[in-house]
């Protein structure tokens, strides 16, 4: 089974059965969380957003976990934690995914990420 990781910044083309890990940067100590607001019918949600992943450094402190495709200068500007969700591509077609970054106590969205998953 193929597995890929994305931060939702680009459209994807995957095979049926592929697991898609959404690894979304979360600004440090901001109270912001990602919500999966749209997920096409051909994609199955395996794990809802809500898991914060931090990786310990050699001293036991949390170190940055950011999308692997970013270069070093982009990584330095990213968050110390990531918000993780997992989808599985189950049906061929073009499927929209939307995530919104917001605080539960505010009525506004800080950021929206939209992308399309083409399942072949």
N, C-alpha and C. Protein backbone atom coordinates (compact mmCIF):
# COMPACT_ATOMS: atom_id res chain seq x y z
N UNK A 1 0.84 -1.17 0.00
CA UNK A 1 0.00 0.00 0.00
C UNK A 1 0.89 1.24 0.00
N UNK A 2 0.62 2.12 -0.93
CA UNK A 2 1.38 3.37 -1.03
C UNK A 2 0.89 4.36 0.02
N UNK A 3 1.83 5.15 0.54
CA UNK A 3 1.49 6.21 1.48
C UNK A 3 2.22 7.47 1.05
N UNK A 4 1.50 8.59 1.11
CA UNK A 4 2.13 9.86 0.78
C UNK A 4 1.78 10.87 1.87
N UNK A 5 2.58 11.93 1.92
CA UNK A 5 2.37 12.99 2.90
C UNK A 5 2.20 14.30 2.14
N UNK A 6 1.26 15.14 2.56
CA UNK A 6 1.04 16.43 1.92
C UNK A 6 0.64 17.46 2.96
N UNK A 7 0.94 18.72 2.64
CA UNK A 7 0.48 19.82 3.49
C UNK A 7 -0.71 20.53 2.84
N UNK A 8 -1.26 19.92 1.79
CA UNK A 8 -2.45 20.48 1.15
C UNK A 8 -2.18 21.65 0.23
N UNK A 9 -0.92 21.87 -0.12
CA UNK A 9 -0.59 23.03 -0.94
C UNK A 9 -0.59 22.73 -2.44
N UNK A 10 -0.79 21.46 -2.83
CA UNK A 10 -0.77 21.10 -4.25
C UNK A 10 -1.76 19.97 -4.50
N UNK A 11 -2.27 19.91 -5.74
CA UNK A 11 -3.16 18.82 -6.15
C UNK A 11 -2.36 17.52 -6.21
N UNK A 12 -3.05 16.40 -6.02
CA UNK A 12 -2.41 15.10 -6.00
C UNK A 12 -3.02 14.16 -7.02
N UNK A 13 -2.22 13.22 -7.52
CA UNK A 13 -2.72 12.11 -8.32
C UNK A 13 -2.21 10.83 -7.67
N UNK A 14 -3.14 9.96 -7.28
CA UNK A 14 -2.78 8.75 -6.53
C UNK A 14 -3.53 7.55 -7.08
N UNK A 15 -3.07 6.37 -6.72
CA UNK A 15 -3.75 5.13 -7.06
C UNK A 15 -4.75 4.77 -5.98
N UNK A 16 -5.77 3.98 -6.37
CA UNK A 16 -6.71 3.49 -5.36
C UNK A 16 -5.95 2.75 -4.27
N UNK A 17 -6.39 2.93 -3.04
CA UNK A 17 -5.76 2.29 -1.90
C UNK A 17 -4.68 3.12 -1.23
N UNK A 18 -4.25 4.18 -1.88
CA UNK A 18 -3.20 5.03 -1.31
C UNK A 18 -3.69 5.71 -0.04
N UNK A 19 -2.85 5.72 0.98
CA UNK A 19 -3.15 6.47 2.21
C UNK A 19 -2.49 7.84 2.09
N UNK A 20 -3.27 8.87 2.32
CA UNK A 20 -2.81 10.26 2.21
C UNK A 20 -2.75 10.83 3.62
N UNK A 21 -1.56 11.18 4.07
CA UNK A 21 -1.39 11.79 5.38
C UNK A 21 -1.36 13.31 5.20
N UNK A 22 -2.31 13.99 5.80
CA UNK A 22 -2.35 15.45 5.78
C UNK A 22 -1.55 15.94 6.98
N UNK A 23 -0.45 16.59 6.71
CA UNK A 23 0.44 17.07 7.76
C UNK A 23 0.45 18.59 7.67
N UNK A 24 -0.34 19.21 8.53
CA UNK A 24 -0.61 20.64 8.44
C UNK A 24 0.13 21.40 9.53
N UNK A 25 0.91 22.43 9.16
CA UNK A 25 1.63 23.20 10.17
C UNK A 25 0.67 23.97 11.07
N UNK A 26 0.97 24.00 12.36
CA UNK A 26 0.17 24.72 13.34
C UNK A 26 1.07 25.75 14.01
N UNK A 27 0.74 27.04 13.92
CA UNK A 27 1.55 28.06 14.59
C UNK A 27 1.65 27.78 16.08
N UNK A 28 2.85 27.90 16.60
CA UNK A 28 3.13 27.58 18.00
C UNK A 28 2.27 28.39 18.97
N UNK A 29 1.63 27.72 19.91
CA UNK A 29 0.86 28.34 21.01
C UNK A 29 -0.20 29.31 20.52
N UNK A 30 -0.82 29.01 19.39
CA UNK A 30 -1.78 29.95 18.80
C UNK A 30 -3.23 29.60 19.10
N UNK A 31 -3.50 28.37 19.51
CA UNK A 31 -4.88 27.93 19.71
C UNK A 31 -5.58 27.58 18.42
N UNK A 32 -4.86 27.64 17.30
CA UNK A 32 -5.43 27.32 16.00
C UNK A 32 -5.43 25.82 15.77
N UNK A 33 -6.51 25.32 15.15
CA UNK A 33 -6.62 23.91 14.79
C UNK A 33 -7.19 23.78 13.38
N UNK A 34 -6.76 22.75 12.67
CA UNK A 34 -7.28 22.46 11.34
C UNK A 34 -8.55 21.63 11.45
N UNK A 35 -9.53 21.94 10.59
CA UNK A 35 -10.77 21.18 10.50
C UNK A 35 -10.94 20.73 9.05
N UNK A 36 -11.23 19.47 8.85
CA UNK A 36 -11.51 18.94 7.52
C UNK A 36 -12.95 19.30 7.18
N UNK A 37 -13.15 20.28 6.28
CA UNK A 37 -14.50 20.79 5.99
C UNK A 37 -15.10 20.22 4.72
N UNK A 38 -14.28 19.62 3.87
CA UNK A 38 -14.79 18.97 2.66
C UNK A 38 -13.88 17.80 2.32
N UNK A 39 -14.50 16.67 1.99
CA UNK A 39 -13.75 15.48 1.60
C UNK A 39 -14.59 14.72 0.60
N UNK A 40 -14.11 14.62 -0.64
CA UNK A 40 -14.86 13.96 -1.70
C UNK A 40 -15.26 12.54 -1.36
N UNK A 41 -16.35 12.08 -1.99
CA UNK A 41 -16.93 10.76 -1.70
C UNK A 41 -15.97 9.60 -1.96
N UNK A 42 -15.01 9.80 -2.84
CA UNK A 42 -14.08 8.73 -3.17
C UNK A 42 -12.90 8.63 -2.21
N UNK A 43 -12.93 9.46 -1.17
CA UNK A 43 -11.88 9.46 -0.15
C UNK A 43 -12.49 9.09 1.19
N UNK A 44 -11.87 8.18 1.90
CA UNK A 44 -12.37 7.77 3.21
C UNK A 44 -11.47 8.39 4.29
N UNK A 45 -12.10 9.03 5.26
CA UNK A 45 -11.35 9.60 6.38
C UNK A 45 -10.99 8.46 7.33
N UNK A 46 -9.70 8.24 7.52
CA UNK A 46 -9.25 7.18 8.44
C UNK A 46 -8.92 7.74 9.81
N UNK A 47 -8.45 8.97 9.84
CA UNK A 47 -8.16 9.62 11.12
C UNK A 47 -8.49 11.10 10.95
N UNK A 48 -9.37 11.59 11.80
CA UNK A 48 -9.79 13.00 11.76
C UNK A 48 -8.64 13.90 12.19
N UNK A 49 -8.65 15.15 11.69
CA UNK A 49 -7.68 16.11 12.22
C UNK A 49 -7.86 16.22 13.73
N UNK A 50 -6.80 16.49 14.41
CA UNK A 50 -6.89 16.64 15.85
C UNK A 50 -5.68 16.09 16.56
N UNK A 51 -4.89 15.29 15.86
CA UNK A 51 -3.69 14.74 16.46
C UNK A 51 -2.56 15.74 16.26
N UNK A 52 -1.93 16.13 17.33
CA UNK A 52 -0.76 17.00 17.22
C UNK A 52 0.47 16.11 17.34
N UNK A 53 1.34 16.21 16.35
CA UNK A 53 2.54 15.37 16.35
C UNK A 53 3.75 16.25 16.61
N UNK A 54 4.49 15.92 17.63
CA UNK A 54 5.75 16.59 17.91
C UNK A 54 6.82 15.52 18.01
N UNK A 55 8.00 15.84 17.51
CA UNK A 55 9.09 14.88 17.58
C UNK A 55 10.11 15.37 18.60
N UNK A 56 10.53 14.50 19.53
CA UNK A 56 11.52 14.93 20.51
C UNK A 56 12.90 15.09 19.88
N UNK A 57 13.64 16.10 20.36
CA UNK A 57 15.03 16.23 19.94
C UNK A 57 15.88 15.35 20.85
N UNK A 58 17.17 15.40 20.74
CA UNK A 58 18.05 14.55 21.54
C UNK A 58 17.98 14.80 23.03
N UNK A 59 17.47 15.97 23.43
CA UNK A 59 17.38 16.31 24.85
C UNK A 59 15.99 16.07 25.42
N UNK A 60 15.10 15.46 24.67
CA UNK A 60 13.75 15.17 25.14
C UNK A 60 12.76 16.29 24.89
N UNK A 61 13.22 17.43 24.38
CA UNK A 61 12.31 18.54 24.07
C UNK A 61 11.69 18.32 22.70
N UNK A 62 10.54 18.93 22.47
CA UNK A 62 9.88 18.79 21.16
C UNK A 62 10.67 19.56 20.12
N UNK A 63 10.83 18.97 18.96
CA UNK A 63 11.46 19.69 17.86
C UNK A 63 10.48 19.79 16.71
N UNK A 64 10.81 20.57 15.73
CA UNK A 64 9.89 20.85 14.63
C UNK A 64 9.60 19.63 13.79
N UNK A 65 8.34 19.56 13.37
CA UNK A 65 7.89 18.53 12.44
C UNK A 65 7.16 19.27 11.34
N UNK A 66 7.78 19.38 10.18
CA UNK A 66 7.18 20.13 9.08
C UNK A 66 7.21 19.28 7.82
N UNK A 67 6.41 19.62 6.81
CA UNK A 67 6.41 18.84 5.58
C UNK A 67 7.81 18.67 5.00
N UNK A 68 8.14 17.47 4.57
CA UNK A 68 9.48 17.14 4.10
C UNK A 68 9.88 17.87 2.82
N UNK A 69 8.91 18.29 2.02
CA UNK A 69 9.27 18.88 0.73
C UNK A 69 9.72 20.33 0.84
N UNK A 70 9.61 20.95 2.02
CA UNK A 70 10.03 22.34 2.19
C UNK A 70 11.55 22.39 2.34
N UNK A 71 12.16 23.47 1.76
CA UNK A 71 13.60 23.61 1.92
C UNK A 71 13.91 24.18 3.31
N UNK A 72 15.20 24.25 3.64
CA UNK A 72 15.60 24.64 5.00
C UNK A 72 15.11 26.02 5.40
N UNK A 73 15.13 26.99 4.49
CA UNK A 73 14.68 28.34 4.84
C UNK A 73 13.19 28.36 5.13
N UNK A 74 12.40 27.58 4.39
CA UNK A 74 10.97 27.50 4.63
C UNK A 74 10.70 26.75 5.94
N UNK A 75 11.48 25.72 6.23
CA UNK A 75 11.29 24.95 7.45
C UNK A 75 11.49 25.82 8.69
N UNK A 76 12.44 26.74 8.65
CA UNK A 76 12.73 27.59 9.80
C UNK A 76 11.54 28.46 10.17
N UNK A 77 10.72 28.80 9.20
CA UNK A 77 9.57 29.67 9.44
C UNK A 77 8.32 28.89 9.83
N UNK A 78 8.38 27.60 9.87
CA UNK A 78 7.19 26.79 10.11
C UNK A 78 6.97 26.52 11.59
N UNK A 79 5.90 25.87 11.87
CA UNK A 79 5.44 25.62 13.24
C UNK A 79 6.27 24.55 13.95
N UNK A 80 6.09 24.48 15.27
CA UNK A 80 6.77 23.46 16.05
C UNK A 80 5.95 22.18 16.15
N UNK A 81 4.73 22.21 15.67
CA UNK A 81 3.87 21.02 15.71
C UNK A 81 3.13 20.93 14.39
N UNK A 82 2.58 19.76 14.13
CA UNK A 82 1.76 19.58 12.94
C UNK A 82 0.45 18.93 13.33
N UNK A 83 -0.56 19.26 12.57
CA UNK A 83 -1.91 18.73 12.77
C UNK A 83 -2.08 17.63 11.73
N UNK A 84 -2.42 16.44 12.15
CA UNK A 84 -2.38 15.29 11.25
C UNK A 84 -3.77 14.67 11.07
N UNK A 85 -4.06 14.32 9.82
CA UNK A 85 -5.26 13.54 9.49
C UNK A 85 -4.85 12.55 8.41
N UNK A 86 -5.62 11.49 8.22
CA UNK A 86 -5.32 10.51 7.18
C UNK A 86 -6.57 10.22 6.37
N UNK A 87 -6.37 10.15 5.05
CA UNK A 87 -7.43 9.80 4.11
C UNK A 87 -6.97 8.57 3.33
N UNK A 88 -7.92 7.80 2.82
CA UNK A 88 -7.60 6.68 1.94
C UNK A 88 -8.35 6.89 0.63
N UNK A 89 -7.64 6.75 -0.49
CA UNK A 89 -8.24 6.86 -1.82
C UNK A 89 -8.94 5.54 -2.13
N UNK A 90 -10.29 5.57 -2.24
CA UNK A 90 -11.02 4.31 -2.42
C UNK A 90 -11.75 4.20 -3.75
N UNK A 91 -12.09 5.33 -4.39
CA UNK A 91 -12.85 5.29 -5.63
C UNK A 91 -12.21 6.21 -6.66
N UNK A 92 -12.06 5.72 -7.90
CA UNK A 92 -11.48 6.53 -8.96
C UNK A 92 -12.34 7.77 -9.22
N UNK A 93 -11.66 8.87 -9.53
CA UNK A 93 -12.36 10.12 -9.83
C UNK A 93 -11.57 11.32 -9.34
N UNK A 94 -12.22 12.50 -9.43
CA UNK A 94 -11.63 13.76 -8.99
C UNK A 94 -12.36 14.17 -7.72
N UNK A 95 -11.62 14.33 -6.62
CA UNK A 95 -12.23 14.59 -5.33
C UNK A 95 -11.63 15.83 -4.68
N UNK A 96 -12.49 16.70 -4.19
CA UNK A 96 -12.05 17.93 -3.53
C UNK A 96 -11.83 17.69 -2.05
N UNK A 97 -10.81 18.36 -1.53
CA UNK A 97 -10.52 18.34 -0.10
C UNK A 97 -10.34 19.80 0.34
N UNK A 98 -10.93 20.14 1.47
CA UNK A 98 -10.77 21.49 2.02
C UNK A 98 -10.52 21.38 3.52
N UNK A 99 -9.56 22.14 3.98
CA UNK A 99 -9.26 22.25 5.41
C UNK A 99 -9.28 23.71 5.80
N UNK A 100 -9.76 23.99 7.00
CA UNK A 100 -9.79 25.36 7.51
C UNK A 100 -9.05 25.42 8.83
N UNK A 101 -8.24 26.46 8.97
CA UNK A 101 -7.49 26.71 10.19
C UNK A 101 -8.20 27.81 10.97
N UNK A 102 -8.60 27.51 12.19
CA UNK A 102 -9.33 28.51 12.98
C UNK A 102 -9.22 28.19 14.47
N UNK A 103 -9.68 29.15 15.26
CA UNK A 103 -9.79 28.96 16.71
C UNK A 103 -11.25 28.68 17.02
N UNK A 104 -11.51 27.75 17.92
CA UNK A 104 -12.88 27.35 18.26
C UNK A 104 -13.70 28.52 18.80
N UNK A 105 -13.08 29.46 19.45
CA UNK A 105 -13.81 30.56 20.08
C UNK A 105 -13.97 31.78 19.17
N UNK A 106 -13.49 31.71 17.94
CA UNK A 106 -13.64 32.83 17.00
C UNK A 106 -14.54 32.43 15.84
N UNK A 107 -15.20 33.41 15.27
CA UNK A 107 -16.09 33.16 14.13
C UNK A 107 -15.43 33.50 12.80
N UNK A 108 -14.14 33.32 12.72
CA UNK A 108 -13.45 33.59 11.46
C UNK A 108 -12.41 32.50 11.21
N UNK A 109 -12.04 32.38 9.96
CA UNK A 109 -11.07 31.38 9.53
C UNK A 109 -9.75 32.07 9.26
N UNK A 110 -8.68 31.55 9.81
CA UNK A 110 -7.35 32.13 9.62
C UNK A 110 -6.77 31.74 8.26
N UNK A 111 -7.07 30.52 7.80
CA UNK A 111 -6.51 30.04 6.54
C UNK A 111 -7.38 28.91 6.00
N UNK A 112 -7.44 28.81 4.67
CA UNK A 112 -8.15 27.72 4.00
C UNK A 112 -7.18 27.08 3.02
N UNK A 113 -7.14 25.77 3.01
CA UNK A 113 -6.35 25.03 2.01
C UNK A 113 -7.31 24.13 1.25
N UNK A 114 -7.30 24.29 -0.08
CA UNK A 114 -8.13 23.46 -0.96
C UNK A 114 -7.21 22.78 -1.97
N UNK A 115 -7.49 21.51 -2.21
CA UNK A 115 -6.75 20.80 -3.25
C UNK A 115 -7.61 19.67 -3.77
N UNK A 116 -7.22 19.14 -4.91
CA UNK A 116 -7.95 18.05 -5.55
C UNK A 116 -7.10 16.79 -5.53
N UNK A 117 -7.75 15.68 -5.24
CA UNK A 117 -7.09 14.38 -5.31
C UNK A 117 -7.69 13.63 -6.49
N UNK A 118 -6.86 13.30 -7.47
CA UNK A 118 -7.28 12.48 -8.60
C UNK A 118 -6.89 11.05 -8.28
N UNK A 119 -7.90 10.19 -8.19
CA UNK A 119 -7.66 8.78 -7.89
C UNK A 119 -7.78 8.00 -9.19
N UNK A 120 -6.71 7.26 -9.55
CA UNK A 120 -6.70 6.51 -10.81
C UNK A 120 -6.71 5.00 -10.54
